[in-house]
C-alpha atoms as a PDB file:
ATOM      1  CA  MET A   1       0.102  -0.105  -0.010  1.00  0.00           C
ATOM      2  CA  ALA A   2       1.282   3.446  -0.908  1.00  0.00           C
ATOM      3  CA  ASP A   3       2.033   6.031   1.644  1.00  0.00           C
ATOM      4  CA  SER A   4      -0.423   8.732   2.257  1.00  0.00           C
ATOM      5  CA  MET A   5       0.480  12.324   1.727  1.00  0.00           C
ATOM      6  CA  TYR A   6       0.333  12.841   5.479  1.00  0.00           C
ATOM      7  CA  ASP A   7       2.797   9.926   6.132  1.00  0.00           C
ATOM      8  CA  LYS A   8       5.133  11.447   3.601  1.00  0.00           C
ATOM      9  CA  ILE A   9       4.877  14.927   5.358  1.00  0.00           C
ATOM     10  CA  TYR A  10       5.423  13.187   8.802  1.00  0.00           C
ATOM     11  CA  ARG A  11       8.440  11.574   7.664  1.00  0.00           C
ATOM     12  CA  ALA A  12       9.856  14.915   6.020  1.00  0.00           C
ATOM     13  CA  VAL A  13       9.257  16.678   9.444  1.00  0.00           C
ATOM     14  CA  MET A  14      11.109  13.887  11.267  1.00  0.00           C
ATOM     15  CA  ALA A  15      14.107  14.345   8.917  1.00  0.00           C
ATOM     16  CA  VAL A  16      14.627  17.990  10.229  1.00  0.00           C
ATOM     17  CA  PRO A  17      17.268  17.644  12.894  1.00  0.00           C
ATOM     18  CA  ALA A  18      16.968  19.542  16.322  1.00  0.00           C
ATOM     19  CA  GLY A  19      18.279  23.050  16.077  1.00  0.00           C
ATOM     20  CA  TYR A  20      16.868  23.650  12.623  1.00  0.00           C
ATOM     21  CA  VAL A  21      13.607  24.637  11.062  1.00  0.00           C
ATOM     22  CA  ALA A  22      12.073  24.077   7.659  1.00  0.00           C
ATOM     23  CA  THR A  23       9.217  25.925   5.957  1.00  0.00           C
ATOM     24  CA  TYR A  24       5.697  24.590   5.000  1.00  0.00           C
ATOM     25  CA  GLY A  25       6.782  24.653   1.278  1.00  0.00           C
ATOM     26  CA  GLN A  26      10.012  23.080   2.067  1.00  0.00           C
ATOM     27  CA  ILE A  27       8.317  20.056   3.957  1.00  0.00           C
ATOM     28  CA  ALA A  28       5.759  19.855   0.965  1.00  0.00           C
ATOM     29  CA  ALA A  29       8.873  19.459  -1.447  1.00  0.00           C
ATOM     30  CA  MET A  30      10.491  16.922   0.798  1.00  0.00           C
ATOM     31  CA  ALA A  31       7.135  15.091   0.880  1.00  0.00           C
ATOM     32  CA  GLY A  32       7.109  15.115  -3.005  1.00  0.00           C
ATOM     33  CA  ASN A  33       4.450  18.009  -3.776  1.00  0.00           C
ATOM     34  CA  GLY A  34       6.066  21.334  -3.601  1.00  0.00           C
ATOM     35  CA  ASN A  35       2.599  22.925  -4.238  1.00  0.00           C
ATOM     36  CA  ALA A  36       1.081  21.317  -1.010  1.00  0.00           C
ATOM     37  CA  ALA A  37       2.245  23.748   1.770  1.00  0.00           C
ATOM     38  CA  ARG A  38      -1.359  24.267   2.923  1.00  0.00           C
ATOM     39  CA  VAL A  39      -1.741  20.352   3.231  1.00  0.00           C
ATOM     40  CA  VAL A  40       1.320  20.350   5.260  1.00  0.00           C
ATOM     41  CA  GLY A  41      -0.316  22.912   7.588  1.00  0.00           C
ATOM     42  CA  ASN A  42      -3.323  20.572   7.841  1.00  0.00           C
ATOM     43  CA  ALA A  43      -1.326  17.611   8.357  1.00  0.00           C
ATOM     44  CA  LEU A  44       0.698  19.095  11.141  1.00  0.00           C
ATOM     45  CA  HIS A  45      -2.543  20.394  12.872  1.00  0.00           C
ATOM     46  CA  VAL A  46      -3.669  16.923  13.275  1.00  0.00           C
ATOM     47  CA  ASN A  47      -0.129  15.535  14.130  1.00  0.00           C
ATOM     48  CA  PRO A  48      -0.753  12.074  15.546  1.00  0.00           C
ATOM     49  CA  ALA A  49       2.335  12.013  17.677  1.00  0.00           C
ATOM     50  CA  PRO A  50       3.520  15.382  18.678  1.00  0.00           C
ATOM     51  CA  GLY A  51       6.228  14.008  20.767  1.00  0.00           C
ATOM     52  CA  THR A  52       7.752  12.155  17.920  1.00  0.00           C
ATOM     53  CA  ILE A  53       6.739  14.158  14.977  1.00  0.00           C
ATOM     54  CA  PRO A  54       8.488  17.682  15.690  1.00  0.00           C
ATOM     55  CA  CYS A  55       5.940  20.019  14.159  1.00  0.00           C
ATOM     56  CA  HIS A  56       7.335  22.823  16.042  1.00  0.00           C
ATOM     57  CA  ARG A  57      10.298  22.812  13.683  1.00  0.00           C
ATOM     58  CA  VAL A  58       7.991  24.045  10.808  1.00  0.00           C
ATOM     59  CA  VAL A  59       7.637  27.731  10.079  1.00  0.00           C
ATOM     60  CA  ASN A  60       6.359  29.922   7.396  1.00  0.00           C
ATOM     61  CA  ALA A  61       8.283  31.077   4.371  1.00  0.00           C
ATOM     62  CA  LYS A  62       9.629  34.260   6.284  1.00  0.00           C
ATOM     63  CA  GLY A  63      10.460  32.346   9.318  1.00  0.00           C
ATOM     64  CA  ARG A  64       7.395  33.185  11.310  1.00  0.00           C
ATOM     65  CA  LEU A  65       6.081  30.928  14.022  1.00  0.00           C
ATOM     66  CA  ALA A  66       2.535  29.317  13.935  1.00  0.00           C
ATOM     67  CA  PRO A  67       0.091  32.014  15.430  1.00  0.00           C
ATOM     68  CA  HIS A  68      -1.958  29.383  17.017  1.00  0.00           C
ATOM     69  CA  PHE A  69       0.435  26.451  17.761  1.00  0.00           C
ATOM     70  CA  ALA A  70      -1.867  23.411  18.072  1.00  0.00           C
ATOM     71  CA  PHE A  71       0.173  21.547  20.825  1.00  0.00           C
ATOM     72  CA  GLY A  72       0.519  23.613  23.903  1.00  0.00           C
ATOM     73  CA  GLY A  73      -0.882  26.978  22.761  1.00  0.00           C
ATOM     74  CA  GLU A  74       0.866  30.388  22.229  1.00  0.00           C
ATOM     75  CA  GLY A  75       4.539  30.483  23.276  1.00  0.00           C
ATOM     76  CA  GLU A  76       5.021  26.685  23.270  1.00  0.00           C
ATOM     77  CA  GLN A  77       6.576  26.608  19.706  1.00  0.00           C
ATOM     78  CA  GLN A  78       8.956  29.221  20.698  1.00  0.00           C
ATOM     79  CA  ARG A  79       9.870  27.393  23.954  1.00  0.00           C
ATOM     80  CA  LEU A  80      10.517  24.243  22.220  1.00  0.00           C
ATOM     81  CA  LEU A  81      12.734  25.692  19.478  1.00  0.00           C
ATOM     82  CA  GLU A  82      14.633  27.813  22.050  1.00  0.00           C
ATOM     83  CA  ALA A  83      15.282  24.470  24.079  1.00  0.00           C
ATOM     84  CA  GLU A  84      16.947  23.210  20.718  1.00  0.00           C
ATOM     85  CA  GLY A  85      19.157  26.287  20.526  1.00  0.00           C
ATOM     86  CA  VAL A  86      17.112  28.223  17.847  1.00  0.00           C
ATOM     87  CA  GLU A  87      16.845  31.831  18.473  1.00  0.00           C
ATOM     88  CA  VAL A  88      13.491  33.350  18.111  1.00  0.00           C
ATOM     89  CA  VAL A  89      13.005  37.145  17.836  1.00  0.00           C
ATOM     90  CA  ASP A  90       9.678  38.566  17.647  1.00  0.00           C
ATOM     91  CA  HIS A  91       8.074  35.317  16.690  1.00  0.00           C
ATOM     92  CA  HIS A  92      10.454  34.840  13.938  1.00  0.00           C
ATOM     93  CA  VAL A  93      13.384  32.610  13.173  1.00  0.00           C
ATOM     94  CA  ASP A  94      16.378  33.582  10.947  1.00  0.00           C
ATOM     95  CA  LEU A  95      16.074  31.229   8.029  1.00  0.00           C
ATOM     96  CA  GLN A  96      19.600  32.182   6.877  1.00  0.00           C
ATOM     97  CA  LYS A  97      20.923  30.785  10.089  1.00  0.00           C
ATOM     98  CA  TYR A  98      18.555  27.935  11.056  1.00  0.00           C
ATOM     99  CA  GLN A  99      16.891  26.608   7.983  1.00  0.00           C
ATOM    100  CA  TYR A 100      17.523  22.940   7.461  1.00  0.00           C
ATOM    101  CA  LYS A 101      19.845  22.667   4.274  1.00  0.00           C
ATOM    102  CA  GLY A 102      19.341  18.928   3.574  1.00  0.00           C
ATOM    103  CA  VAL A 103      17.219  19.574   0.656  1.00  0.00           C
ATOM    104  CA  ALA A 104      16.375  22.232  -1.740  1.00  0.00           C
ATOM    105  CA  HIS A 105      14.066  24.804  -0.371  1.00  0.00           C
ATOM    106  CA  GLU A 106      12.201  27.946  -1.480  1.00  0.00           C
ATOM    107  CA  ASN A 107      13.239  31.538  -1.059  1.00  0.00           C
END
């Protein structure tokens, strides 16, 4: 049986190491469909294993954190990223410094 798009998204998110972030579009490309950034957001919102699938490492194309982080509420995504050594300033991450470079990404 073929993996679902959500399965591919979750695998891509798990490939992003601690201390780095990826954008929604980057995760979509890693999952095989670079046009599916919104699907990535939907998949992460229903993440079946937040402790295993590190959805806190996914930010928007400008490095902005999720305005309503589904797992712990406001401030939790920032707390999790900072615990991994990612600097967050005014709800943004510096993509030049912290974006995962393991695959091609949009800019």
